[in-house]
Structure formats: structure tokens, C-alpha cells
Amino acid sequence: MDSGTWRKLAAELIGTFIFFFIGAGAIITNEYSKGAVGLLGIALAHGIILAIMVSALGHISGGHFNPAVTVGVLVGRKIEPLLALYYIIAQLIGGVLAGLALRLVFAESTWGPVHLGTPDVARDAAGNALVGFGQGTLLEALLTFFLVWAVYATAVDPRPVRIAGFGIGLTVLVDILVGGPLTGAAMNPARAFGPALAAGYFPIEQLIYWIGPLIGGAVAGWLYTYLFLRAPDVAPPAPGPELDSTAP
């Protein structure tokens, strides 16, 4: 790999690490503070830090930080398959490192009840899932569809609407407000995998956060490309150092 590719992978790993550390960290802090952060605070933490990371690193790697986004961009043929695979590996590593860092920062008595901020379905006092597998998968697919649609509309589409960080971060924020109490609204396989591996917590519902987001991201990428990026009025992006052929 050339130096440009390594820079993109470094940006994906670091951006994913920061995104997950703040997002999952807010869940742990909510546990530590006995609910003082709340659902809105958790949603704000995820949405704002993602907006910052997309704005800070999007010009380098495209600011995916999510295998579902990368798959959506791949379906639209905006990234090469091998590079997409490398992106996903970097994202998963970033997620695991974030989980391990949180494990070092917080006491197990604090992170244990929330499994390092691992997304999970709603459960009763006995630990039984209150959200069915199909229901949870559908919800994650829909929420991820909304997210990847926002990525395409604000960052992939070459027409001049450059509010990518703002639009993408706000989509994550409102998605969490809707889906957070039910599935955690991960919308991101790496967001589920990283803390889960660090915490050693892998219920069968972990598959929801792979199946749903990957399907939702792929459908959003295909549909937006088919509807809006093949029209004759879509001009190619103007050349410039801020544009990246692999960026969403």
C-alpha cells in the first residue's frame, strides 16, 4: 500500500476510536452518574463527536467510521473493493481499541452493567430480550438506511451541499433518540463489535448489529445512486485537494 492509503486507514482507525470512545463513554458515564446523562445526552455525544470527526477527517478518508457506510459507498462504486475491506478492518480495530481504552479508564463496577457501552436490545429484569430478532434487525436496517442516505446526500453527491459533518451527525443523533431505548441504535457493526469484544459480551442479538446495518447501508447506497447519481444533470465534482475519490 502507498502512503496515501495508509493515511486513509489511519484516519479511519483514529476517527472510529474517538467516535466510539466518546459515544460508548457517554453510556458508561450515564451508568456512573445514575442516569444524569440520559438518552438525549448519549445521543448528543454520539452525534456531535461524529460530526466533528467527519469534518476533521473526511477530507482524508471520507470519514466513514462505519462498515455499513463503507458497504453503502462500495455499492455505489465510490470505493474500490479491496480498499473497502481495509477500511472495515481499520474500523473494527479502532472500535476494539476504544473498548479497551474505556476498560482502562472506568472501573468494572461502572462499565460492567452496560458492557462497556455495547449496544443491546431492551431487556427485562431477568435479562430476557424485549425486542425480537427480526424487529431489532429491521429497526437497525432502517436507522442505518437513514444514516447512509444522509451520507450520500451531503457527502457523496457531487452537487454543492457541503454540510456533511453536520447532516451526518444530526442523523445519528435523532436515530438514537428513536431507536436507542429499543436496540441501542448502533447503525454500525464496529460500534457493536468493539466494546463487545473488550467486554467479552456476545449475546445472539449481536448479529442484529451486523445484518441490519449492512443491509440498510447497501440499500441506501444503491437506491440513492440509482435515483439521483445517474441523472444527466449530475456534474462530476470539480478537481481540488479537498475532494477524495473514496470519500462518501
Protein backbone atom coordinates (compact mmCIF):
# COMPACT_ATOMS: atom_id res chain seq x y z
CA MET A 1 0.00 0.00 0.00
CA ASP A 2 1.19 3.51 -0.75
CA SER A 3 1.42 6.30 1.81
CA GLY A 4 -1.91 7.78 0.73
CA THR A 5 -3.71 4.54 1.51
CA TRP A 6 -2.04 4.26 4.90
CA ARG A 7 -3.13 7.82 5.72
CA LYS A 8 -6.72 6.95 4.86
CA LEU A 9 -6.63 3.84 7.02
CA ALA A 10 -5.05 5.77 9.88
CA ALA A 11 -7.80 8.38 9.61
CA GLU A 12 -10.48 5.68 9.70
CA LEU A 13 -8.93 3.95 12.71
CA ILE A 14 -8.35 7.14 14.70
CA GLY A 15 -11.71 8.66 13.81
CA THR A 16 -13.52 5.44 14.75
CA PHE A 17 -11.59 5.25 18.02
CA ILE A 18 -12.53 8.80 19.03
CA PHE A 19 -16.14 8.40 17.90
CA PHE A 20 -16.65 5.21 19.90
CA PHE A 21 -14.69 6.35 22.94
CA ILE A 22 -16.94 9.38 23.34
CA GLY A 23 -20.16 7.61 22.35
CA ALA A 24 -19.73 4.47 24.42
CA GLY A 25 -18.09 6.56 27.15
CA ALA A 26 -21.27 8.60 27.47
CA ILE A 27 -23.22 5.38 28.12
CA ILE A 28 -20.77 4.34 30.82
CA THR A 29 -20.86 7.82 32.37
CA ASN A 30 -24.64 7.65 32.35
CA GLU A 31 -24.36 4.46 34.39
CA TYR A 32 -21.80 6.06 36.72
CA SER A 33 -23.97 9.15 37.23
CA LYS A 34 -27.12 7.08 37.79
CA GLY A 35 -28.84 8.38 34.67
CA ALA A 36 -27.77 12.00 34.77
CA VAL A 37 -26.57 11.95 31.14
CA GLY A 38 -29.81 10.46 29.84
CA LEU A 39 -30.87 9.40 26.37
CA LEU A 40 -30.58 12.92 24.98
CA GLY A 41 -27.06 13.31 26.37
CA ILE A 42 -25.99 9.97 24.89
CA ALA A 43 -27.48 10.92 21.52
CA LEU A 44 -25.75 14.31 21.61
CA ALA A 45 -22.41 12.72 22.47
CA HIS A 46 -22.62 10.34 19.51
CA GLY A 47 -23.97 12.90 17.06
CA ILE A 48 -21.65 15.77 17.91
CA ILE A 49 -18.45 13.74 18.02
CA LEU A 50 -19.31 12.08 14.71
CA ALA A 51 -19.97 15.48 13.16
CA ILE A 52 -16.57 16.64 14.41
CA MET A 53 -14.74 13.56 13.15
CA VAL A 54 -16.38 13.69 9.70
CA SER A 55 -15.44 17.37 9.46
CA ALA A 56 -11.92 16.76 10.74
CA LEU A 57 -11.00 13.64 8.76
CA GLY A 58 -13.49 13.44 5.90
CA HIS A 59 -11.08 15.14 3.51
CA ILE A 60 -8.53 12.38 4.16
CA SER A 61 -10.52 9.13 4.14
CA GLY A 62 -14.10 10.20 3.52
CA GLY A 63 -14.92 9.83 7.21
CA HIS A 64 -16.80 6.54 7.10
CA PHE A 65 -16.03 5.19 10.62
CA ASN A 66 -18.65 2.52 10.00
CA PRO A 67 -18.57 -0.72 7.94
CA ALA A 68 -22.19 -0.12 6.91
CA VAL A 69 -21.24 3.26 5.44
CA THR A 70 -18.29 1.69 3.65
CA VAL A 71 -20.52 -1.04 2.22
CA GLY A 72 -23.03 1.61 1.12
CA VAL A 73 -20.28 3.57 -0.61
CA LEU A 74 -18.98 0.34 -2.17
CA VAL A 75 -22.42 -0.49 -3.60
CA GLY A 76 -22.44 2.95 -5.23
CA ARG A 77 -18.99 2.20 -6.71
CA LYS A 78 -17.35 5.11 -4.91
CA ILE A 79 -14.60 3.00 -3.37
CA GLU A 80 -12.59 0.02 -4.61
CA PRO A 81 -13.48 -3.35 -3.02
CA LEU A 82 -10.01 -4.00 -1.60
CA LEU A 83 -9.79 -0.55 -0.07
CA ALA A 84 -13.28 -1.02 1.37
CA LEU A 85 -12.08 -4.21 3.06
CA TYR A 86 -9.09 -2.37 4.53
CA TYR A 87 -11.42 0.38 5.77
CA ILE A 88 -13.63 -2.15 7.57
CA ILE A 89 -10.61 -3.78 9.22
CA ALA A 90 -9.34 -0.37 10.38
CA GLN A 91 -12.79 0.48 11.76
CA LEU A 92 -13.04 -2.78 13.68
CA ILE A 93 -9.57 -2.27 15.15
CA GLY A 94 -10.46 1.29 16.13
CA GLY A 95 -13.60 0.01 17.83
CA VAL A 96 -11.75 -2.64 19.82
CA LEU A 97 -9.10 -0.13 20.91
CA ALA A 98 -11.81 2.25 22.07
CA GLY A 99 -13.39 -0.52 24.13
CA LEU A 100 -10.05 -1.42 25.69
CA ALA A 101 -9.31 2.23 26.48
CA LEU A 102 -12.68 2.61 28.19
CA ARG A 103 -11.99 -0.54 30.17
CA LEU A 104 -8.77 1.05 31.45
CA VAL A 105 -10.42 4.38 32.31
CA PHE A 106 -13.53 3.14 34.12
CA ALA A 107 -13.88 0.67 36.96
CA GLU A 108 -15.52 -2.65 36.12
CA SER A 109 -18.28 -1.89 38.60
CA THR A 110 -19.22 1.02 36.33
CA TRP A 111 -18.73 -0.42 32.84
CA GLY A 112 -19.82 -3.95 33.70
CA PRO A 113 -23.60 -3.32 33.86
CA VAL A 114 -23.54 -1.69 30.41
CA HIS A 115 -20.82 -3.95 28.94
CA LEU A 116 -18.56 -1.00 28.01
CA GLY A 117 -21.41 0.69 26.17
CA THR A 118 -22.09 -2.28 23.89
CA PRO A 119 -25.40 -1.74 22.06
CA ASP A 120 -28.03 -4.20 23.19
CA VAL A 121 -31.74 -4.80 22.82
CA ALA A 122 -34.11 -3.79 25.60
CA ARG A 123 -34.28 -6.45 28.31
CA ASP A 124 -36.41 -7.14 31.36
CA ALA A 125 -35.11 -7.55 34.89
CA ALA A 126 -34.37 -11.22 34.23
CA GLY A 127 -32.27 -10.39 31.16
CA ASN A 128 -34.80 -11.58 28.60
CA ALA A 129 -34.91 -9.66 25.32
CA LEU A 130 -37.97 -7.44 24.91
CA VAL A 131 -37.24 -6.81 21.22
CA GLY A 132 -37.50 -9.68 18.76
CA PHE A 133 -34.58 -10.56 16.50
CA GLY A 134 -36.48 -9.64 13.35
CA GLN A 135 -37.85 -6.45 14.87
CA GLY A 136 -34.41 -5.36 16.03
CA THR A 137 -32.80 -6.18 12.69
CA LEU A 138 -35.45 -4.21 10.82
CA LEU A 139 -35.06 -1.21 13.11
CA GLU A 140 -31.27 -1.20 12.73
CA ALA A 141 -31.64 -1.55 8.95
CA LEU A 142 -34.00 1.42 8.77
CA LEU A 143 -31.91 3.64 11.03
CA THR A 144 -28.77 2.80 9.03
CA PHE A 145 -30.63 3.47 5.79
CA PHE A 146 -31.38 6.98 7.07
CA LEU A 147 -27.73 7.45 8.05
CA VAL A 148 -26.22 6.27 4.76
CA TRP A 149 -28.83 8.24 2.83
CA ALA A 150 -27.60 11.34 4.69
CA VAL A 151 -24.01 10.40 3.84
CA TYR A 152 -24.84 10.18 0.16
CA ALA A 153 -26.93 13.34 0.12
CA THR A 154 -24.42 15.52 1.96
CA ALA A 155 -21.04 13.99 1.10
CA VAL A 156 -21.13 11.61 -1.87
CA ASP A 157 -23.37 13.59 -4.20
CA PRO A 158 -21.03 15.94 -6.14
CA ARG A 159 -23.54 18.79 -6.21
CA PRO A 160 -22.55 21.59 -3.81
CA VAL A 161 -24.22 20.78 -0.48
CA ARG A 162 -21.23 20.62 1.85
CA ILE A 163 -22.69 20.11 5.31
CA ALA A 164 -21.55 16.51 5.63
CA GLY A 165 -20.43 16.55 9.27
CA PHE A 166 -23.50 18.48 10.40
CA GLY A 167 -26.01 16.39 8.45
CA ILE A 168 -24.49 13.01 9.27
CA GLY A 169 -24.02 13.78 12.96
CA LEU A 170 -27.58 15.03 13.34
CA THR A 171 -28.92 11.90 11.66
CA VAL A 172 -27.12 9.72 14.20
CA LEU A 173 -28.45 11.92 16.99
CA VAL A 174 -32.11 11.62 16.00
CA ASP A 175 -31.74 7.92 15.15
CA ILE A 176 -30.55 7.28 18.72
CA LEU A 177 -33.49 9.23 20.14
CA VAL A 178 -35.83 6.87 18.26
CA GLY A 179 -34.03 3.53 18.45
CA GLY A 180 -31.79 3.92 21.49
CA PRO A 181 -34.24 2.52 24.04
CA LEU A 182 -35.03 -0.49 21.82
CA THR A 183 -31.74 -1.65 20.27
CA GLY A 184 -29.21 0.99 21.25
CA ALA A 185 -29.36 2.35 17.69
CA ALA A 186 -25.86 1.21 16.77
CA MET A 187 -26.24 1.56 12.98
CA ASN A 188 -22.68 0.33 12.87
CA PRO A 189 -21.25 -3.21 13.16
CA ALA A 190 -17.94 -1.89 14.51
CA ARG A 191 -19.76 0.13 17.18
CA ALA A 192 -21.28 -3.12 18.45
CA PHE A 193 -18.24 -5.34 17.93
CA GLY A 194 -15.51 -3.23 19.54
CA PRO A 195 -16.96 -2.79 23.03
CA ALA A 196 -18.44 -6.30 22.93
CA LEU A 197 -15.03 -7.85 22.33
CA ALA A 198 -13.39 -5.73 25.03
CA ALA A 199 -16.18 -6.59 27.48
CA GLY A 200 -16.48 -10.26 26.46
CA TYR A 201 -20.22 -9.83 25.88
CA PHE A 202 -21.64 -11.55 22.80
CA PRO A 203 -25.35 -12.35 23.05
CA ILE A 204 -27.04 -13.77 19.97
CA GLU A 205 -28.55 -10.32 19.38
CA GLN A 206 -25.09 -9.11 18.40
CA LEU A 207 -25.96 -10.37 14.91
CA ILE A 208 -28.65 -7.69 14.68
CA TYR A 209 -25.92 -5.06 14.51
CA TRP A 210 -24.28 -6.75 11.54
CA ILE A 211 -27.25 -7.91 9.49
CA GLY A 212 -29.44 -4.82 9.86
CA PRO A 213 -26.86 -2.07 9.28
CA LEU A 214 -25.15 -3.81 6.36
CA ILE A 215 -28.47 -4.35 4.59
CA GLY A 216 -29.69 -0.83 5.34
CA GLY A 217 -26.41 0.74 4.21
CA ALA A 218 -26.29 -1.27 1.00
CA VAL A 219 -29.89 -0.45 0.08
CA ALA A 220 -29.39 3.26 0.77
CA GLY A 221 -26.22 3.35 -1.34
CA TRP A 222 -27.84 1.53 -4.24
CA LEU A 223 -31.10 3.49 -4.16
CA TYR A 224 -29.53 6.94 -3.90
CA THR A 225 -27.11 6.11 -6.71
CA TYR A 226 -29.87 4.72 -8.91
CA LEU A 227 -32.29 7.60 -8.31
CA PHE A 228 -30.04 10.64 -8.13
CA LEU A 229 -26.47 9.98 -9.27
CA ARG A 230 -27.16 8.62 -12.75
CA ALA A 231 -29.19 11.60 -13.94
CA PRO A 232 -27.68 13.70 -16.76
CA ASP A 233 -27.75 16.84 -14.62
CA VAL A 234 -25.27 15.42 -12.08
CA ALA A 235 -21.96 17.00 -13.00
CA PRO A 236 -18.68 15.41 -11.92
CA PRO A 237 -17.01 17.03 -8.92
CA ALA A 238 -14.63 19.87 -9.61
CA PRO A 239 -10.98 18.96 -9.05
CA GLY A 240 -9.46 20.14 -5.82
CA PRO A 241 -7.32 18.91 -2.92
CA GLU A 242 -10.35 18.70 -0.64
CA LEU A 243 -12.01 16.01 -2.75
CA ASP A 244 -11.23 12.34 -2.35
CA SER A 245 -12.32 9.69 -4.83
CA THR A 246 -13.01 7.29 -1.95
CA ALA A 247 -14.85 9.79 0.20
CA PRO A 248 -18.53 9.41 0.89
